[in-house]
Amino acid sequence: MLRVRDVELADDGTGWLVVHSLTQECREKDSDHAGTVRRVPVCRELAAILKEETLRRDLRPDDTIFVLDNGRPLTAQVYRKIWQQARAAVLQAHERNSPLGRHVSALRDARIAAWLKNGDQTAAHILAVAECAGMSAPRLAERFARCLRRLTRDEFPWDRLEAALALPDLPSEPTPTARRP
C-alpha cells in the first residue's frame, strides 16, 4: 500500500519511505499512536525505481505505486507468489531449497543487518537503526546480536573509563574539621 505521498526523493538520488506503523483500525482504537510514522532510508536504486514508476504512470500523491493490473492493491498472497517467482528466476535449485530468502522479510532483515554491521555501532547509531526498523533498541540487539561486535581489549577506551572513574585530587594536608561546642 505504498503511496506516492509516502516517498520522499532528494535531488541527489537518495530517498526515504514514510512508513505508517499501524493500520487505520488500530489508529482509531489507540489514539495515543494515531498517525505514528517512521522514516526509512532507501538506496539510490530503489529511489530511482520509485521515481521512474511514479513518472511513467503519471501518479498523483494519493495513488498507490504498486498495484495489480486491475488497479487493486497487492494482497499478501500475491506478494508472496511474486516473491517465490523472483527467487525461482534468480536462485539455483540448491539455493531455492535453502532458507536463503525464503520469506520476503529476509530482505528487511538483511538490510537491518547491513545497517548495523556498516555503522559505528555507537548507542546513537543503534537507536537510529532501531527506529528505522520499527523496533526497540533492546529488541534489535536481541534479534541481531550477531551483527553487533564486541570491542577487543585493545580497542576498549581504557583512558576514558579511567578518567570517568577517577577520584578528584585530594589536598596533601588534611583540612581541620569544625568541632561542636
C-alpha atoms as a PDB file:
ATOM      1  CA  MET A   1       0.000   0.000   0.000  1.00  0.00           C
ATOM      2  CA  LEU A   2       2.916   2.350  -0.667  1.00  0.00           C
ATOM      3  CA  ARG A   3       1.528   5.652  -1.863  1.00  0.00           C
ATOM      4  CA  VAL A   4       3.333   8.374  -3.768  1.00  0.00           C
ATOM      5  CA  ARG A   5       2.991  10.761  -0.817  1.00  0.00           C
ATOM      6  CA  ASP A   6       4.906   8.256   1.331  1.00  0.00           C
ATOM      7  CA  VAL A   7       8.043   8.502  -0.833  1.00  0.00           C
ATOM      8  CA  GLU A   8      10.434  11.391  -0.279  1.00  0.00           C
ATOM      9  CA  LEU A   9      13.061  11.664  -3.012  1.00  0.00           C
ATOM     10  CA  ALA A  10      16.012  14.038  -2.784  1.00  0.00           C
ATOM     11  CA  ASP A  11      17.755  15.689  -5.725  1.00  0.00           C
ATOM     12  CA  ASP A  12      20.921  13.671  -5.052  1.00  0.00           C
ATOM     13  CA  GLY A  13      19.145  10.367  -5.788  1.00  0.00           C
ATOM     14  CA  THR A  14      18.628   9.252  -2.203  1.00  0.00           C
ATOM     15  CA  GLY A  15      15.255   8.907  -0.577  1.00  0.00           C
ATOM     16  CA  TRP A  16      13.074   7.974   2.349  1.00  0.00           C
ATOM     17  CA  LEU A  17       9.894   5.970   2.765  1.00  0.00           C
ATOM     18  CA  VAL A  18       7.347   7.196   5.270  1.00  0.00           C
ATOM     19  CA  VAL A  19       6.034   4.052   6.940  1.00  0.00           C
ATOM     20  CA  HIS A  20       2.737   4.162   8.790  1.00  0.00           C
ATOM     21  CA  SER A  21       3.177   1.718  11.646  1.00  0.00           C
ATOM     22  CA  LEU A  22      -0.440   0.920  12.414  1.00  0.00           C
ATOM     23  CA  THR A  23      -3.481   0.107  10.319  1.00  0.00           C
ATOM     24  CA  GLN A  24      -6.353   2.572  10.245  1.00  0.00           C
ATOM     25  CA  GLU A  25      -8.436   0.331  12.543  1.00  0.00           C
ATOM     26  CA  CYS A  26      -5.666   0.305  15.159  1.00  0.00           C
ATOM     27  CA  ARG A  27      -5.259   4.083  14.936  1.00  0.00           C
ATOM     28  CA  GLU A  28      -8.949   4.582  15.677  1.00  0.00           C
ATOM     29  CA  LYS A  29      -8.798   2.254  18.706  1.00  0.00           C
ATOM     30  CA  ASP A  30      -5.491   3.596  20.076  1.00  0.00           C
ATOM     31  CA  SER A  31      -5.470   7.361  19.736  1.00  0.00           C
ATOM     32  CA  ASP A  32      -2.074   7.611  21.513  1.00  0.00           C
ATOM     33  CA  HIS A  33      -0.413   6.051  18.456  1.00  0.00           C
ATOM     34  CA  ALA A  34      -2.604   7.690  15.831  1.00  0.00           C
ATOM     35  CA  GLY A  35      -0.518   8.964  12.969  1.00  0.00           C
ATOM     36  CA  THR A  36       2.677   7.288  14.193  1.00  0.00           C
ATOM     37  CA  VAL A  37       5.112   7.183  11.307  1.00  0.00           C
ATOM     38  CA  ARG A  38       8.778   6.470  10.804  1.00  0.00           C
ATOM     39  CA  ARG A  39      11.149   7.414   8.013  1.00  0.00           C
ATOM     40  CA  VAL A  40      13.172   4.600   6.459  1.00  0.00           C
ATOM     41  CA  PRO A  41      16.081   5.364   4.133  1.00  0.00           C
ATOM     42  CA  VAL A  42      16.074   3.739   0.691  1.00  0.00           C
ATOM     43  CA  CYS A  43      19.048   3.026  -1.544  1.00  0.00           C
ATOM     44  CA  ARG A  44      19.584   5.025  -4.721  1.00  0.00           C
ATOM     45  CA  GLU A  45      18.491   2.111  -6.910  1.00  0.00           C
ATOM     46  CA  LEU A  46      15.113   1.789  -5.200  1.00  0.00           C
ATOM     47  CA  ALA A  47      14.657   5.556  -5.174  1.00  0.00           C
ATOM     48  CA  ALA A  48      15.242   5.568  -8.958  1.00  0.00           C
ATOM     49  CA  ILE A  49      12.712   2.740  -9.495  1.00  0.00           C
ATOM     50  CA  LEU A  50      10.079   4.536  -7.417  1.00  0.00           C
ATOM     51  CA  LYS A  51      10.651   7.823  -9.229  1.00  0.00           C
ATOM     52  CA  GLU A  52      10.532   6.150 -12.650  1.00  0.00           C
ATOM     53  CA  GLU A  53       7.322   4.253 -11.833  1.00  0.00           C
ATOM     54  CA  THR A  54       5.657   7.398 -10.494  1.00  0.00           C
ATOM     55  CA  LEU A  55       6.537   9.369 -13.635  1.00  0.00           C
ATOM     56  CA  ARG A  56       5.757   6.515 -16.071  1.00  0.00           C
ATOM     57  CA  ARG A  57       2.232   6.083 -14.732  1.00  0.00           C
ATOM     58  CA  ASP A  58       1.695   9.817 -14.003  1.00  0.00           C
ATOM     59  CA  LEU A  59       0.735   9.048 -10.395  1.00  0.00           C
ATOM     60  CA  ARG A  60      -0.715  11.599  -8.004  1.00  0.00           C
ATOM     61  CA  PRO A  61       0.148  11.835  -4.263  1.00  0.00           C
ATOM     62  CA  ASP A  62      -2.754   9.610  -3.097  1.00  0.00           C
ATOM     63  CA  ASP A  63      -2.128   6.908  -5.736  1.00  0.00           C
ATOM     64  CA  THR A  64      -0.731   3.525  -4.738  1.00  0.00           C
ATOM     65  CA  ILE A  65       2.558   2.826  -6.523  1.00  0.00           C
ATOM     66  CA  PHE A  66       2.374  -0.948  -6.903  1.00  0.00           C
ATOM     67  CA  VAL A  67      -0.997  -2.386  -7.885  1.00  0.00           C
ATOM     68  CA  LEU A  68      -2.437  -5.336  -9.790  1.00  0.00           C
ATOM     69  CA  ASP A  69      -3.354  -4.971 -13.463  1.00  0.00           C
ATOM     70  CA  ASN A  70      -6.934  -4.168 -12.452  1.00  0.00           C
ATOM     71  CA  GLY A  71      -5.756  -1.317 -10.190  1.00  0.00           C
ATOM     72  CA  ARG A  72      -6.419  -3.130  -6.923  1.00  0.00           C
ATOM     73  CA  PRO A  73      -3.735  -3.222  -4.207  1.00  0.00           C
ATOM     74  CA  LEU A  74      -1.345  -6.151  -3.948  1.00  0.00           C
ATOM     75  CA  THR A  75      -2.512  -8.691  -1.399  1.00  0.00           C
ATOM     76  CA  ALA A  76      -0.109 -10.563   0.878  1.00  0.00           C
ATOM     77  CA  GLN A  77      -0.834 -13.737  -1.099  1.00  0.00           C
ATOM     78  CA  VAL A  78       0.057 -12.091  -4.427  1.00  0.00           C
ATOM     79  CA  TYR A  79       3.159 -10.520  -2.887  1.00  0.00           C
ATOM     80  CA  ARG A  80       4.372 -13.921  -1.610  1.00  0.00           C
ATOM     81  CA  LYS A  81       3.686 -15.516  -5.002  1.00  0.00           C
ATOM     82  CA  ILE A  82       5.704 -12.839  -6.814  1.00  0.00           C
ATOM     83  CA  TRP A  83       8.498 -13.276  -4.245  1.00  0.00           C
ATOM     84  CA  GLN A  84       8.652 -17.025  -4.906  1.00  0.00           C
ATOM     85  CA  GLN A  85       8.696 -16.407  -8.679  1.00  0.00           C
ATOM     86  CA  ALA A  86      11.557 -13.939  -8.272  1.00  0.00           C
ATOM     87  CA  ARG A  87      13.521 -16.445  -6.162  1.00  0.00           C
ATOM     88  CA  ALA A  88      12.968 -19.142  -8.786  1.00  0.00           C
ATOM     89  CA  ALA A  89      14.196 -16.779 -11.510  1.00  0.00           C
ATOM     90  CA  VAL A  90      17.495 -15.866  -9.850  1.00  0.00           C
ATOM     91  CA  LEU A  91      18.438 -18.715  -7.500  1.00  0.00           C
ATOM     92  CA  GLN A  92      19.851 -22.102  -8.378  1.00  0.00           C
ATOM     93  CA  ALA A  93      17.922 -25.207  -7.240  1.00  0.00           C
ATOM     94  CA  HIS A  94      20.056 -25.821  -4.145  1.00  0.00           C
ATOM     95  CA  GLU A  95      19.640 -22.163  -3.133  1.00  0.00           C
ATOM     96  CA  ARG A  96      15.852 -22.261  -3.634  1.00  0.00           C
ATOM     97  CA  ASN A  97      15.661 -25.280  -1.310  1.00  0.00           C
ATOM     98  CA  SER A  98      17.684 -23.488   1.375  1.00  0.00           C
ATOM     99  CA  PRO A  99      16.374 -20.873   3.818  1.00  0.00           C
ATOM    100  CA  LEU A 100      18.090 -18.171   1.724  1.00  0.00           C
ATOM    101  CA  GLY A 101      15.425 -15.534   1.199  1.00  0.00           C
ATOM    102  CA  ARG A 102      12.595 -17.986   1.770  1.00  0.00           C
ATOM    103  CA  HIS A 103      10.453 -15.204   3.207  1.00  0.00           C
ATOM    104  CA  VAL A 104      10.006 -11.641   1.999  1.00  0.00           C
ATOM    105  CA  SER A 105      11.092 -10.404   5.433  1.00  0.00           C
ATOM    106  CA  ALA A 106      14.588 -11.729   4.641  1.00  0.00           C
ATOM    107  CA  LEU A 107      15.221  -8.558   2.621  1.00  0.00           C
ATOM    108  CA  ARG A 108      14.291  -6.379   5.577  1.00  0.00           C
ATOM    109  CA  ASP A 109      16.450  -8.431   7.939  1.00  0.00           C
ATOM    110  CA  ALA A 110      19.392  -8.285   5.539  1.00  0.00           C
ATOM    111  CA  ARG A 111      19.051  -4.516   5.314  1.00  0.00           C
ATOM    112  CA  ILE A 112      18.939  -4.125   9.101  1.00  0.00           C
ATOM    113  CA  ALA A 113      21.997  -6.374   9.471  1.00  0.00           C
ATOM    114  CA  ALA A 114      23.878  -4.284   6.887  1.00  0.00           C
ATOM    115  CA  TRP A 115      22.973  -1.039   8.690  1.00  0.00           C
ATOM    116  CA  LEU A 116      24.288  -2.479  11.943  1.00  0.00           C
ATOM    117  CA  LYS A 117      27.464  -4.000  10.517  1.00  0.00           C
ATOM    118  CA  ASN A 118      28.391  -0.940   8.467  1.00  0.00           C
ATOM    119  CA  GLY A 119      27.817   1.646  11.167  1.00  0.00           C
ATOM    120  CA  ASP A 120      29.970   2.827  14.005  1.00  0.00           C
ATOM    121  CA  GLN A 121      27.835   0.846  16.486  1.00  0.00           C
ATOM    122  CA  THR A 122      27.554   3.682  18.952  1.00  0.00           C
ATOM    123  CA  ALA A 123      24.413   3.870  21.046  1.00  0.00           C
ATOM    124  CA  ALA A 124      23.113   6.654  18.792  1.00  0.00           C
ATOM    125  CA  HIS A 125      23.675   4.533  15.674  1.00  0.00           C
ATOM    126  CA  ILE A 126      21.926   1.510  17.180  1.00  0.00           C
ATOM    127  CA  LEU A 127      18.986   3.676  18.288  1.00  0.00           C
ATOM    128  CA  ALA A 128      18.711   5.179  14.783  1.00  0.00           C
ATOM    129  CA  VAL A 129      18.707   1.704  13.191  1.00  0.00           C
ATOM    130  CA  ALA A 130      16.091   0.511  15.699  1.00  0.00           C
ATOM    131  CA  GLU A 131      13.886   3.499  14.865  1.00  0.00           C
ATOM    132  CA  CYS A 132      14.172   2.864  11.118  1.00  0.00           C
ATOM    133  CA  ALA A 133      13.426  -0.828  11.681  1.00  0.00           C
ATOM    134  CA  GLY A 134      10.395  -0.019  13.817  1.00  0.00           C
ATOM    135  CA  MET A 135      11.537  -1.861  16.930  1.00  0.00           C
ATOM    136  CA  SER A 136      13.032  -1.040  20.297  1.00  0.00           C
ATOM    137  CA  ALA A 137      16.810  -0.996  20.732  1.00  0.00           C
ATOM    138  CA  PRO A 138      16.729  -3.948  23.193  1.00  0.00           C
ATOM    139  CA  ARG A 139      14.665  -5.998  20.716  1.00  0.00           C
ATOM    140  CA  LEU A 140      17.043  -5.060  17.900  1.00  0.00           C
ATOM    141  CA  ALA A 141      20.082  -6.061  19.988  1.00  0.00           C
ATOM    142  CA  GLU A 142      18.415  -9.359  20.897  1.00  0.00           C
ATOM    143  CA  ARG A 143      17.341 -10.224  17.366  1.00  0.00           C
ATOM    144  CA  PHE A 144      20.510  -9.054  15.599  1.00  0.00           C
ATOM    145  CA  ALA A 145      23.117  -9.797  18.275  1.00  0.00           C
ATOM    146  CA  ARG A 146      25.326 -11.495  15.687  1.00  0.00           C
ATOM    147  CA  CYS A 147      25.694  -8.148  13.897  1.00  0.00           C
ATOM    148  CA  LEU A 148      26.897  -6.251  16.944  1.00  0.00           C
ATOM    149  CA  ARG A 149      30.558  -6.728  17.585  1.00  0.00           C
ATOM    150  CA  ARG A 150      32.230  -6.520  20.924  1.00  0.00           C
ATOM    151  CA  LEU A 151      35.277  -4.371  21.337  1.00  0.00           C
ATOM    152  CA  THR A 152      38.528  -6.226  21.752  1.00  0.00           C
ATOM    153  CA  ARG A 153      40.739  -5.483  24.752  1.00  0.00           C
ATOM    154  CA  ASP A 154      42.956  -3.293  22.556  1.00  0.00           C
ATOM    155  CA  GLU A 155      40.009  -1.289  21.178  1.00  0.00           C
ATOM    156  CA  PHE A 156      38.392  -0.574  24.534  1.00  0.00           C
ATOM    157  CA  PRO A 157      38.802   3.126  25.539  1.00  0.00           C
ATOM    158  CA  TRP A 158      40.525   2.443  28.856  1.00  0.00           C
ATOM    159  CA  ASP A 159      41.744   6.028  29.213  1.00  0.00           C
ATOM    160  CA  ARG A 160      38.183   7.393  29.029  1.00  0.00           C
ATOM    161  CA  LEU A 161      36.984   4.797  31.545  1.00  0.00           C
ATOM    162  CA  GLU A 162      39.781   5.687  33.975  1.00  0.00           C
ATOM    163  CA  ALA A 163      39.040   9.399  33.576  1.00  0.00           C
ATOM    164  CA  ALA A 164      35.347   8.819  34.263  1.00  0.00           C
ATOM    165  CA  LEU A 165      36.075   6.797  37.404  1.00  0.00           C
ATOM    166  CA  ALA A 166      38.965   8.940  38.698  1.00  0.00           C
ATOM    167  CA  LEU A 167      38.716  10.469  42.126  1.00  0.00           C
ATOM    168  CA  PRO A 168      39.177  14.207  42.448  1.00  0.00           C
ATOM    169  CA  ASP A 169      42.591  15.422  43.541  1.00  0.00           C
ATOM    170  CA  LEU A 170      42.745  15.475  47.331  1.00  0.00           C
ATOM    171  CA  PRO A 171      44.682  18.129  49.242  1.00  0.00           C
ATOM    172  CA  SER A 172      48.027  16.919  50.596  1.00  0.00           C
ATOM    173  CA  GLU A 173      47.261  18.091  54.172  1.00  0.00           C
ATOM    174  CA  PRO A 174      44.017  17.246  55.891  1.00  0.00           C
ATOM    175  CA  THR A 175      41.703  20.177  56.426  1.00  0.00           C
ATOM    176  CA  PRO A 176      40.629  20.812  60.014  1.00  0.00           C
ATOM    177  CA  THR A 177      37.079  19.887  60.788  1.00  0.00           C
ATOM    178  CA  ALA A 178      34.809  22.071  62.834  1.00  0.00           C
ATOM    179  CA  ARG A 179      34.220  20.998  66.403  1.00  0.00           C
ATOM    180  CA  ARG A 180      30.930  21.136  68.135  1.00  0.00           C
ATOM    181  CA  PRO A 181      30.728  23.420  71.142  1.00  0.00           C
END
